[in-house]
Amino acid sequence: MSTNETSIFNMTPGFRMVLFIAMTGLSMIVGGLITFSIVAAALHVPFIEIQSILMRPEYTSMTQMANAFASIIGFGVPALVVAYFTKGTLGTNLGFKPIASEKQVLIVILLAFTGLILSGALGDLTDKLTFSSSVRNWATNLEAQYKKALMAMTQMRSIWDLLFAILAIAVVPAIVEELYFRASLQKIITDWSGKPFVAIVITAILFSAFHFSYFGFLSRMSLGIVLGLIYYYTKTIWLPILMHFVNNAIGVSALYAARNNPKQIDKVLDSNLAYYWVIIGLVALLLLFKQLKKVTDTNS
């Protein structure tokens, strides 16, 4: 669908950023209100008790649905609105370009696994670099809240629970977060600054900050940079979505495999590698990106 007729005076990147930020704030608020209202009506509980109720293991499926629905509104709506009111077609503005080669898919899957190595090593490095006791106490409390929320969404007893969790925690976030961060925010900052690599790093920082995890900040920032580079080199949002999905699906599957072993669950949640694996991960990523660029150039 062409949006040439609906573009607002061919919006400048600065104006698109203002619209994007405004829609983000509005969508987050509206998404939360709608989601909590639906949950309150479905469970017949007071609105103010929803947040504590959704932390209970017996409401895991409801928590997953609520999180997915809120993500669709909070992340999906701003991306769609800005893309619609930008000159061009909606699909093109959102990065929905066909994947050029099966080799790209294979390389991106390998990047996902390699990214996990780098992510684990950066988690260990972050822990070792946290010297201040006050910062460590604050970070530990923040991490405890993050893990509590994560566990509330990943209580799985059967294969059907696993499949539903993958849909709600891996598929939906992979799509809407990539449309929001890579196809929208990264593109706006690139158009605004003219510096794609600066845009990739800034977007990755904000992507990590949205997850509210101190010890996982560098890990998710590195993931965001890899996702941003994939989008920059391939110009299709499908490949960052694929990597994001693989990354999330591996985490959900690992928690399912460890579901009957509390100690193993803790190991999954704290899956850090020794910090020196950073070097190995970076070298592997550089080699894979070299191949991805080569394959992309060949098929362009």
C-alpha atoms as a PDB file:
ATOM      1  CA  MET A   1       0.000   0.000   0.000  1.00  0.00           C
ATOM      2  CA  SER A   2       1.447   3.341  -1.027  1.00  0.00           C
ATOM      3  CA  THR A   3       1.508   6.120   1.539  1.00  0.00           C
ATOM      4  CA  ASN A   4       2.586   8.913  -0.805  1.00  0.00           C
ATOM      5  CA  GLU A   5      -0.853  10.506  -0.516  1.00  0.00           C
ATOM      6  CA  THR A   6      -0.880  10.312   3.292  1.00  0.00           C
ATOM      7  CA  SER A   7       2.665  11.488   3.939  1.00  0.00           C
ATOM      8  CA  ILE A   8       2.677  14.621   6.073  1.00  0.00           C
ATOM      9  CA  PHE A   9       4.560  17.088   3.893  1.00  0.00           C
ATOM     10  CA  ASN A  10       7.265  14.436   3.344  1.00  0.00           C
ATOM     11  CA  MET A  11       8.246  14.468   7.020  1.00  0.00           C
ATOM     12  CA  THR A  12      11.811  15.295   7.935  1.00  0.00           C
ATOM     13  CA  PRO A  13      13.662  12.742  10.124  1.00  0.00           C
ATOM     14  CA  GLY A  14      13.383  15.146  13.058  1.00  0.00           C
ATOM     15  CA  PHE A  15       9.616  15.370  12.707  1.00  0.00           C
ATOM     16  CA  ARG A  16       9.381  11.603  12.319  1.00  0.00           C
ATOM     17  CA  MET A  17      11.338  11.225  15.568  1.00  0.00           C
ATOM     18  CA  VAL A  18       8.948  13.561  17.387  1.00  0.00           C
ATOM     19  CA  LEU A  19       5.962  11.601  16.065  1.00  0.00           C
ATOM     20  CA  PHE A  20       7.651   8.321  16.953  1.00  0.00           C
ATOM     21  CA  ILE A  21       8.390   9.376  20.541  1.00  0.00           C
ATOM     22  CA  ALA A  22       4.870  10.767  21.000  1.00  0.00           C
ATOM     23  CA  MET A  23       3.280   7.590  19.640  1.00  0.00           C
ATOM     24  CA  THR A  24       5.566   5.461  21.834  1.00  0.00           C
ATOM     25  CA  GLY A  25       4.463   7.228  25.018  1.00  0.00           C
ATOM     26  CA  LEU A  26       0.797   7.109  24.034  1.00  0.00           C
ATOM     27  CA  SER A  27       0.934   3.477  22.901  1.00  0.00           C
ATOM     28  CA  MET A  28       2.712   2.300  26.058  1.00  0.00           C
ATOM     29  CA  ILE A  29       0.096   3.951  28.273  1.00  0.00           C
ATOM     30  CA  VAL A  30      -2.904   2.857  26.202  1.00  0.00           C
ATOM     31  CA  GLY A  31      -1.492  -0.634  25.716  1.00  0.00           C
ATOM     32  CA  GLY A  32      -1.021  -1.074  29.457  1.00  0.00           C
ATOM     33  CA  LEU A  33      -4.488   0.233  30.275  1.00  0.00           C
ATOM     34  CA  ILE A  34      -6.214  -1.942  27.688  1.00  0.00           C
ATOM     35  CA  THR A  35      -4.244  -5.040  28.634  1.00  0.00           C
ATOM     36  CA  PHE A  36      -4.820  -4.637  32.381  1.00  0.00           C
ATOM     37  CA  SER A  37      -8.521  -3.893  31.795  1.00  0.00           C
ATOM     38  CA  ILE A  38      -8.961  -7.082  29.762  1.00  0.00           C
ATOM     39  CA  VAL A  39      -7.135  -9.159  32.381  1.00  0.00           C
ATOM     40  CA  ALA A  40      -9.154  -7.588  35.209  1.00  0.00           C
ATOM     41  CA  ALA A  41     -12.406  -8.379  33.423  1.00  0.00           C
ATOM     42  CA  ALA A  42     -11.338 -11.942  32.545  1.00  0.00           C
ATOM     43  CA  LEU A  43     -10.190 -12.789  36.084  1.00  0.00           C
ATOM     44  CA  HIS A  44     -12.848 -10.711  37.873  1.00  0.00           C
ATOM     45  CA  VAL A  45     -10.288  -8.957  40.041  1.00  0.00           C
ATOM     46  CA  PRO A  46      -9.688  -5.281  40.923  1.00  0.00           C
ATOM     47  CA  PHE A  47      -7.558  -3.356  38.453  1.00  0.00           C
ATOM     48  CA  ILE A  48      -4.984  -2.407  41.094  1.00  0.00           C
ATOM     49  CA  GLU A  49      -4.284  -6.076  41.916  1.00  0.00           C
ATOM     50  CA  ILE A  50      -3.480  -7.150  38.350  1.00  0.00           C
ATOM     51  CA  GLN A  51       0.293  -6.704  38.531  1.00  0.00           C
ATOM     52  CA  SER A  52       0.684  -8.886  41.633  1.00  0.00           C
ATOM     53  CA  ILE A  53      -1.755 -11.515  40.341  1.00  0.00           C
ATOM     54  CA  LEU A  54       0.106 -11.873  37.047  1.00  0.00           C
ATOM     55  CA  MET A  55       3.243 -12.809  38.997  1.00  0.00           C
ATOM     56  CA  ARG A  56       1.585 -16.007  40.253  1.00  0.00           C
ATOM     57  CA  PRO A  57       2.576 -19.297  38.544  1.00  0.00           C
ATOM     58  CA  GLU A  58      -1.061 -20.356  37.991  1.00  0.00           C
ATOM     59  CA  TYR A  59      -1.591 -17.355  35.709  1.00  0.00           C
ATOM     60  CA  THR A  60       1.439 -17.909  33.470  1.00  0.00           C
ATOM     61  CA  SER A  61      -0.571 -18.217  30.233  1.00  0.00           C
ATOM     62  CA  MET A  62      -2.502 -15.055  31.050  1.00  0.00           C
ATOM     63  CA  THR A  63       0.763 -13.267  31.819  1.00  0.00           C
ATOM     64  CA  GLN A  64       2.217 -14.374  28.487  1.00  0.00           C
ATOM     65  CA  MET A  65      -0.865 -13.225  26.572  1.00  0.00           C
ATOM     66  CA  ALA A  66      -0.955  -9.902  28.412  1.00  0.00           C
ATOM     67  CA  ASN A  67       2.740  -9.270  27.748  1.00  0.00           C
ATOM     68  CA  ALA A  68       2.381 -10.147  24.053  1.00  0.00           C
ATOM     69  CA  PHE A  69      -0.719  -7.971  23.635  1.00  0.00           C
ATOM     70  CA  ALA A  70       0.881  -4.997  25.415  1.00  0.00           C
ATOM     71  CA  SER A  71       4.012  -5.407  23.239  1.00  0.00           C
ATOM     72  CA  ILE A  72       1.958  -5.407  20.047  1.00  0.00           C
ATOM     73  CA  ILE A  73       0.357  -2.104  21.015  1.00  0.00           C
ATOM     74  CA  GLY A  74       3.369  -0.517  22.686  1.00  0.00           C
ATOM     75  CA  PHE A  75       5.943  -1.376  20.017  1.00  0.00           C
ATOM     76  CA  GLY A  76       3.870  -2.226  16.958  1.00  0.00           C
ATOM     77  CA  VAL A  77       1.588   0.816  16.798  1.00  0.00           C
ATOM     78  CA  PRO A  78       4.344   3.506  16.785  1.00  0.00           C
ATOM     79  CA  ALA A  79       6.206   1.623  14.027  1.00  0.00           C
ATOM     80  CA  LEU A  80       3.057   1.275  11.909  1.00  0.00           C
ATOM     81  CA  VAL A  81       1.931   4.883  12.377  1.00  0.00           C
ATOM     82  CA  VAL A  82       5.300   6.419  11.471  1.00  0.00           C
ATOM     83  CA  ALA A  83       5.692   4.049   8.498  1.00  0.00           C
ATOM     84  CA  TYR A  84       2.191   4.906   7.269  1.00  0.00           C
ATOM     85  CA  PHE A  85       2.788   8.652   7.399  1.00  0.00           C
ATOM     86  CA  THR A  86       6.161   8.411   5.667  1.00  0.00           C
ATOM     87  CA  LYS A  87       6.542   8.676   1.912  1.00  0.00           C
ATOM     88  CA  GLY A  88       6.725   5.280   0.226  1.00  0.00           C
ATOM     89  CA  THR A  89       4.961   1.977   0.705  1.00  0.00           C
ATOM     90  CA  LEU A  90       4.126   0.689   4.151  1.00  0.00           C
ATOM     91  CA  GLY A  91       5.956  -2.602   3.588  1.00  0.00           C
ATOM     92  CA  THR A  92       9.094  -0.908   2.282  1.00  0.00           C
ATOM     93  CA  ASN A  93       9.139   1.606   5.133  1.00  0.00           C
ATOM     94  CA  LEU A  94       8.977  -1.279   7.618  1.00  0.00           C
ATOM     95  CA  GLY A  95      11.776  -3.184   5.902  1.00  0.00           C
ATOM     96  CA  PHE A  96       9.680  -6.036   4.516  1.00  0.00           C
ATOM     97  CA  LYS A  97      12.029  -6.868   1.673  1.00  0.00           C
ATOM     98  CA  PRO A  98      12.403 -10.501   0.515  1.00  0.00           C
ATOM     99  CA  ILE A  99      15.385 -12.457   1.826  1.00  0.00           C
ATOM    100  CA  ALA A 100      17.903 -12.635  -1.005  1.00  0.00           C
ATOM    101  CA  SER A 101      19.471 -16.020  -0.294  1.00  0.00           C
ATOM    102  CA  GLU A 102      19.136 -19.161   1.840  1.00  0.00           C
ATOM    103  CA  LYS A 103      22.781 -18.606   2.784  1.00  0.00           C
ATOM    104  CA  GLN A 104      21.758 -15.389   4.549  1.00  0.00           C
ATOM    105  CA  VAL A 105      19.362 -17.413   6.703  1.00  0.00           C
ATOM    106  CA  LEU A 106      22.074 -19.910   7.644  1.00  0.00           C
ATOM    107  CA  ILE A 107      24.568 -17.166   8.503  1.00  0.00           C
ATOM    108  CA  VAL A 108      22.006 -15.331  10.636  1.00  0.00           C
ATOM    109  CA  ILE A 109      21.220 -18.512  12.584  1.00  0.00           C
ATOM    110  CA  LEU A 110      24.956 -18.971  13.186  1.00  0.00           C
ATOM    111  CA  LEU A 111      25.125 -15.319  14.268  1.00  0.00           C
ATOM    112  CA  ALA A 112      22.365 -16.027  16.790  1.00  0.00           C
ATOM    113  CA  PHE A 113      24.353 -18.841  18.411  1.00  0.00           C
ATOM    114  CA  THR A 114      27.589 -16.848  18.261  1.00  0.00           C
ATOM    115  CA  GLY A 115      25.789 -13.879  19.767  1.00  0.00           C
ATOM    116  CA  LEU A 116      24.820 -16.049  22.734  1.00  0.00           C
ATOM    117  CA  ILE A 117      28.501 -16.774  23.370  1.00  0.00           C
ATOM    118  CA  LEU A 118      29.362 -13.072  23.309  1.00  0.00           C
ATOM    119  CA  SER A 119      26.311 -12.275  25.423  1.00  0.00           C
ATOM    120  CA  GLY A 120      27.284 -14.784  28.106  1.00  0.00           C
ATOM    121  CA  ALA A 121      30.850 -13.506  28.245  1.00  0.00           C
ATOM    122  CA  LEU A 122      29.707  -9.879  28.504  1.00  0.00           C
ATOM    123  CA  GLY A 123      27.448 -10.849  31.411  1.00  0.00           C
ATOM    124  CA  ASP A 124      30.478 -12.190  33.256  1.00  0.00           C
ATOM    125  CA  LEU A 125      32.507  -9.103  32.327  1.00  0.00           C
ATOM    126  CA  THR A 126      29.757  -6.791  33.644  1.00  0.00           C
ATOM    127  CA  ASP A 127      29.721  -8.681  36.925  1.00  0.00           C
ATOM    128  CA  LYS A 128      33.500  -8.391  37.299  1.00  0.00           C
ATOM    129  CA  LEU A 129      33.499  -4.670  36.476  1.00  0.00           C
ATOM    130  CA  THR A 130      30.857  -3.817  39.095  1.00  0.00           C
ATOM    131  CA  PHE A 131      33.087  -2.684  41.978  1.00  0.00           C
ATOM    132  CA  SER A 132      30.788  -0.288  43.847  1.00  0.00           C
ATOM    133  CA  SER A 133      28.811  -2.026  46.598  1.00  0.00           C
ATOM    134  CA  SER A 134      25.924   0.452  46.291  1.00  0.00           C
ATOM    135  CA  VAL A 135      25.682  -0.111  42.542  1.00  0.00           C
ATOM    136  CA  ARG A 136      25.927  -3.872  43.036  1.00  0.00           C
ATOM    137  CA  ASN A 137      23.119  -3.853  45.630  1.00  0.00           C
ATOM    138  CA  TRP A 138      20.906  -1.755  43.347  1.00  0.00           C
ATOM    139  CA  ALA A 139      21.735  -3.956  40.359  1.00  0.00           C
ATOM    140  CA  THR A 140      21.115  -7.160  42.321  1.00  0.00           C
ATOM    141  CA  ASN A 141      17.674  -5.956  43.415  1.00  0.00           C
ATOM    142  CA  LEU A 142      16.854  -4.888  39.850  1.00  0.00           C
ATOM    143  CA  GLU A 143      17.988  -8.281  38.555  1.00  0.00           C
ATOM    144  CA  ALA A 144      15.881 -10.074  41.151  1.00  0.00           C
ATOM    145  CA  GLN A 145      12.779  -8.214  39.943  1.00  0.00           C
ATOM    146  CA  TYR A 146      13.651  -8.999  36.337  1.00  0.00           C
ATOM    147  CA  LYS A 147      14.089 -12.713  37.086  1.00  0.00           C
ATOM    148  CA  LYS A 148      10.849 -12.790  39.067  1.00  0.00           C
ATOM    149  CA  ALA A 149       8.945 -11.295  36.137  1.00  0.00           C
ATOM    150  CA  LEU A 150      10.668 -13.664  33.706  1.00  0.00           C
ATOM    151  CA  MET A 151       9.854 -16.722  35.808  1.00  0.00           C
ATOM    152  CA  ALA A 152       6.227 -15.619  36.028  1.00  0.00           C
ATOM    153  CA  MET A 153       6.088 -15.817  32.232  1.00  0.00           C
ATOM    154  CA  THR A 154       7.958 -19.096  31.800  1.00  0.00           C
ATOM    155  CA  GLN A 155       6.222 -21.635  34.057  1.00  0.00           C
ATOM    156  CA  MET A 156       5.838 -24.575  31.636  1.00  0.00           C
ATOM    157  CA  ARG A 157       4.569 -28.062  32.448  1.00  0.00           C
ATOM    158  CA  SER A 158       3.854 -29.544  29.020  1.00  0.00           C
ATOM    159  CA  ILE A 159       4.946 -29.308  25.405  1.00  0.00           C
ATOM    160  CA  TRP A 160       1.827 -27.220  24.741  1.00  0.00           C
ATOM    161  CA  ASP A 161       2.933 -24.756  27.407  1.00  0.00           C
ATOM    162  CA  LEU A 162       6.321 -24.579  25.660  1.00  0.00           C
ATOM    163  CA  LEU A 163       4.770 -23.931  22.251  1.00  0.00           C
ATOM    164  CA  PHE A 164       2.498 -21.228  23.648  1.00  0.00           C
ATOM    165  CA  ALA A 165       5.448 -19.637  25.459  1.00  0.00           C
ATOM    166  CA  ILE A 166       7.508 -19.630  22.259  1.00  0.00           C
ATOM    167  CA  LEU A 167       4.637 -17.885  20.453  1.00  0.00           C
ATOM    168  CA  ALA A 168       4.134 -15.269  23.187  1.00  0.00           C
ATOM    169  CA  ILE A 169       7.745 -14.742  24.276  1.00  0.00           C
ATOM    170  CA  ALA A 170       9.749 -15.507  21.114  1.00  0.00           C
ATOM    171  CA  VAL A 171       7.585 -14.903  18.028  1.00  0.00           C
ATOM    172  CA  VAL A 172       5.590 -11.805  19.019  1.00  0.00           C
ATOM    173  CA  PRO A 173       8.446  -9.837  20.638  1.00  0.00           C
ATOM    174  CA  ALA A 174      10.797 -10.722  17.778  1.00  0.00           C
ATOM    175  CA  ILE A 175       8.401  -9.190  15.263  1.00  0.00           C
ATOM    176  CA  VAL A 176       7.185  -6.083  17.089  1.00  0.00           C
ATOM    177  CA  GLU A 177      10.511  -5.178  18.736  1.00  0.00           C
ATOM    178  CA  GLU A 178      12.407  -5.440  15.450  1.00  0.00           C
ATOM    179  CA  LEU A 179       9.793  -3.301  13.692  1.00  0.00           C
ATOM    180  CA  TYR A 180      10.126  -0.765  16.501  1.00  0.00           C
ATOM    181  CA  PHE A 181      13.882  -0.686  17.067  1.00  0.00           C
ATOM    182  CA  ARG A 182      15.496  -1.640  13.776  1.00  0.00           C
ATOM    183  CA  ALA A 183      12.916  -0.821  11.081  1.00  0.00           C
ATOM    184  CA  SER A 184      11.780   2.405  12.751  1.00  0.00           C
ATOM    185  CA  LEU A 185      14.091   3.896  15.392  1.00  0.00           C
ATOM    186  CA  GLN A 186      17.376   2.878  13.764  1.00  0.00           C
ATOM    187  CA  LYS A 187      16.180   4.082  10.367  1.00  0.00           C
ATOM    188  CA  ILE A 188      14.995   7.437  11.737  1.00  0.00           C
ATOM    189  CA  ILE A 189      18.307   8.070  13.536  1.00  0.00           C
ATOM    190  CA  THR A 190      20.242   7.014  10.414  1.00  0.00           C
ATOM    191  CA  ASP A 191      18.252   9.398   8.214  1.00  0.00           C
ATOM    192  CA  TRP A 192      18.608  12.149  10.799  1.00  0.00           C
ATOM    193  CA  SER A 193      22.341  11.811  11.504  1.00  0.00           C
ATOM    194  CA  GLY A 194      23.574  10.322   8.245  1.00  0.00           C
ATOM    195  CA  LYS A 195      25.702   7.967  10.372  1.00  0.00           C
ATOM    196  CA  PRO A 196      24.306   4.416  10.262  1.00  0.00           C
ATOM    197  CA  PHE A 197      26.777   2.931  12.742  1.00  0.00           C
ATOM    198  CA  VAL A 198      26.019   5.654  15.297  1.00  0.00           C
ATOM    199  CA  ALA A 199      22.319   4.886  14.789  1.00  0.00           C
ATOM    200  CA  ILE A 200      22.965   1.166  15.321  1.00  0.00           C
ATOM    201  CA  VAL A 201      24.774   1.766  18.636  1.00  0.00           C
ATOM    202  CA  ILE A 202      22.230   4.291  19.972  1.00  0.00           C
ATOM    203  CA  THR A 203      19.365   1.972  19.059  1.00  0.00           C
ATOM    204  CA  ALA A 204      21.144  -0.964  20.695  1.00  0.00           C
ATOM    205  CA  ILE A 205      21.613   1.022  23.926  1.00  0.00           C
ATOM    206  CA  LEU A 206      17.916   1.927  24.040  1.00  0.00           C
ATOM    207  CA  PHE A 207      16.958  -1.651  23.118  1.00  0.00           C
ATOM    208  CA  SER A 208      18.949  -2.952  26.087  1.00  0.00           C
ATOM    209  CA  ALA A 209      17.641  -0.257  28.449  1.00  0.00           C
ATOM    210  CA  PHE A 210      14.050  -1.299  27.695  1.00  0.00           C
ATOM    211  CA  HIS A 211      14.762  -4.689  29.315  1.00  0.00           C
ATOM    212  CA  PHE A 212      15.641  -3.151  32.725  1.00  0.00           C
ATOM    213  CA  SER A 213      18.521  -5.496  33.549  1.00  0.00           C
ATOM    214  CA  TYR A 214      21.849  -4.100  34.766  1.00  0.00           C
ATOM    215  CA  PHE A 215      23.909  -7.293  34.587  1.00  0.00           C
ATOM    216  CA  GLY A 216      22.391  -8.072  31.192  1.00  0.00           C
ATOM    217  CA  PHE A 217      22.847  -4.567  29.784  1.00  0.00           C
ATOM    218  CA  LEU A 218      26.046  -5.158  27.802  1.00  0.00           C
ATOM    219  CA  SER A 219      24.763  -8.552  26.665  1.00  0.00           C
ATOM    220  CA  ARG A 220      21.564  -7.135  25.215  1.00  0.00           C
ATOM    221  CA  MET A 221      23.371  -4.120  23.807  1.00  0.00           C
ATOM    222  CA  SER A 222      25.694  -6.480  21.914  1.00  0.00           C
ATOM    223  CA  LEU A 223      22.633  -8.372  20.675  1.00  0.00           C
ATOM    224  CA  GLY A 224      21.109  -5.076  19.552  1.00  0.00           C
ATOM    225  CA  ILE A 225      24.272  -4.134  17.654  1.00  0.00           C
ATOM    226  CA  VAL A 226      24.325  -7.505  15.875  1.00  0.00           C
ATOM    227  CA  LEU A 227      20.642  -7.142  14.954  1.00  0.00           C
ATOM    228  CA  GLY A 228      21.266  -3.598  13.740  1.00  0.00           C
ATOM    229  CA  LEU A 229      24.191  -4.669  11.576  1.00  0.00           C
ATOM    230  CA  ILE A 230      22.158  -7.489  10.056  1.00  0.00           C
ATOM    231  CA  TYR A 231      19.441  -5.001   9.099  1.00  0.00           C
ATOM    232  CA  TYR A 232      21.976  -2.490   7.792  1.00  0.00           C
ATOM    233  CA  TYR A 233      23.768  -5.017   5.565  1.00  0.00           C
ATOM    234  CA  THR A 234      20.753  -6.980   4.286  1.00  0.00           C
ATOM    235  CA  LYS A 235      18.106  -4.205   4.197  1.00  0.00           C
ATOM    236  CA  THR A 236      15.393  -6.708   5.173  1.00  0.00           C
ATOM    237  CA  ILE A 237      13.704  -6.829   8.572  1.00  0.00           C
ATOM    238  CA  TRP A 238      12.989 -10.558   8.205  1.00  0.00           C
ATOM    239  CA  LEU A 239      16.547 -11.549   9.125  1.00  0.00           C
ATOM    240  CA  PRO A 240      16.755  -9.519  12.373  1.00  0.00           C
ATOM    241  CA  ILE A 241      13.328 -10.962  13.250  1.00  0.00           C
ATOM    242  CA  LEU A 242      14.707 -14.456  12.605  1.00  0.00           C
ATOM    243  CA  MET A 243      17.763 -13.926  14.828  1.00  0.00           C
ATOM    244  CA  HIS A 244      15.689 -12.311  17.585  1.00  0.00           C
ATOM    245  CA  PHE A 245      13.281 -15.264  17.468  1.00  0.00           C
ATOM    246  CA  VAL A 246      16.088 -17.846  17.607  1.00  0.00           C
ATOM    247  CA  ASN A 247      17.681 -16.047  20.551  1.00  0.00           C
ATOM    248  CA  ASN A 248      14.423 -15.914  22.540  1.00  0.00           C
ATOM    249  CA  ALA A 249      13.335 -19.427  21.577  1.00  0.00           C
ATOM    250  CA  ILE A 250      16.635 -20.912  22.807  1.00  0.00           C
ATOM    251  CA  GLY A 251      16.156 -19.191  26.175  1.00  0.00           C
ATOM    252  CA  VAL A 252      12.553 -20.367  26.542  1.00  0.00           C
ATOM    253  CA  SER A 253      13.456 -23.923  25.499  1.00  0.00           C
ATOM    254  CA  ALA A 254      16.347 -24.017  27.981  1.00  0.00           C
ATOM    255  CA  LEU A 255      14.011 -22.995  30.807  1.00  0.00           C
ATOM    256  CA  TYR A 256      11.532 -25.670  29.749  1.00  0.00           C
ATOM    257  CA  ALA A 257      14.266 -28.315  29.756  1.00  0.00           C
ATOM    258  CA  ALA A 258      15.281 -27.269  33.284  1.00  0.00           C
ATOM    259  CA  ARG A 259      11.713 -26.852  34.581  1.00  0.00           C
ATOM    260  CA  ASN A 260      11.979 -29.590  37.249  1.00  0.00           C
ATOM    261  CA  ASN A 261      15.394 -28.572  38.531  1.00  0.00           C
ATOM    262  CA  PRO A 262      15.528 -25.222  40.406  1.00  0.00           C
ATOM    263  CA  LYS A 263      19.338 -25.184  40.481  1.00  0.00           C
ATOM    264  CA  GLN A 264      19.473 -25.765  36.738  1.00  0.00           C
ATOM    265  CA  ILE A 265      16.966 -22.955  36.186  1.00  0.00           C
ATOM    266  CA  ASP A 266      19.273 -20.598  38.078  1.00  0.00           C
ATOM    267  CA  LYS A 267      22.147 -21.676  35.825  1.00  0.00           C
ATOM    268  CA  VAL A 268      20.037 -20.950  32.737  1.00  0.00           C
ATOM    269  CA  LEU A 269      19.112 -17.495  34.030  1.00  0.00           C
ATOM    270  CA  ASP A 270      22.748 -16.768  34.974  1.00  0.00           C
ATOM    271  CA  SER A 271      24.223 -18.371  31.864  1.00  0.00           C
ATOM    272  CA  ASN A 272      27.504 -16.463  31.872  1.00  0.00           C
ATOM    273  CA  LEU A 273      30.706 -17.607  30.204  1.00  0.00           C
ATOM    274  CA  ALA A 274      34.204 -16.622  31.290  1.00  0.00           C
ATOM    275  CA  TYR A 275      34.912 -13.044  30.185  1.00  0.00           C
ATOM    276  CA  TYR A 276      37.729 -14.079  27.843  1.00  0.00           C
ATOM    277  CA  TRP A 277      35.107 -15.653  25.556  1.00  0.00           C
ATOM    278  CA  VAL A 278      34.411 -12.062  24.453  1.00  0.00           C
ATOM    279  CA  ILE A 279      37.432 -12.279  22.145  1.00  0.00           C
ATOM    280  CA  ILE A 280      36.301 -15.599  20.672  1.00  0.00           C
ATOM    281  CA  GLY A 281      32.762 -14.285  20.179  1.00  0.00           C
ATOM    282  CA  LEU A 282      33.940 -11.075  18.502  1.00  0.00           C
ATOM    283  CA  VAL A 283      36.250 -12.926  16.106  1.00  0.00           C
ATOM    284  CA  ALA A 284      33.468 -15.338  15.155  1.00  0.00           C
ATOM    285  CA  LEU A 285      31.027 -12.462  14.623  1.00  0.00           C
ATOM    286  CA  LEU A 286      33.494 -10.585  12.399  1.00  0.00           C
ATOM    287  CA  LEU A 287      34.011 -13.674  10.229  1.00  0.00           C
ATOM    288  CA  LEU A 288      30.278 -14.327   9.948  1.00  0.00           C
ATOM    289  CA  PHE A 289      29.496 -10.705   9.092  1.00  0.00           C
ATOM    290  CA  LYS A 290      32.187 -10.801   6.417  1.00  0.00           C
ATOM    291  CA  GLN A 291      30.400 -13.783   4.884  1.00  0.00           C
ATOM    292  CA  LEU A 292      26.981 -12.150   5.265  1.00  0.00           C
ATOM    293  CA  LYS A 293      28.166  -9.021   3.451  1.00  0.00           C
ATOM    294  CA  LYS A 294      29.734 -11.130   0.708  1.00  0.00           C
ATOM    295  CA  VAL A 295      26.570 -13.196   0.192  1.00  0.00           C
ATOM    296  CA  THR A 296      24.385 -10.079   0.267  1.00  0.00           C
ATOM    297  CA  ASP A 297      26.548  -8.237  -2.256  1.00  0.00           C
ATOM    298  CA  THR A 298      26.523 -11.282  -4.535  1.00  0.00           C
ATOM    299  CA  ASN A 299      22.728 -11.478  -4.512  1.00  0.00           C
ATOM    300  CA  SER A 300      22.012  -7.745  -4.726  1.00  0.00           C
END
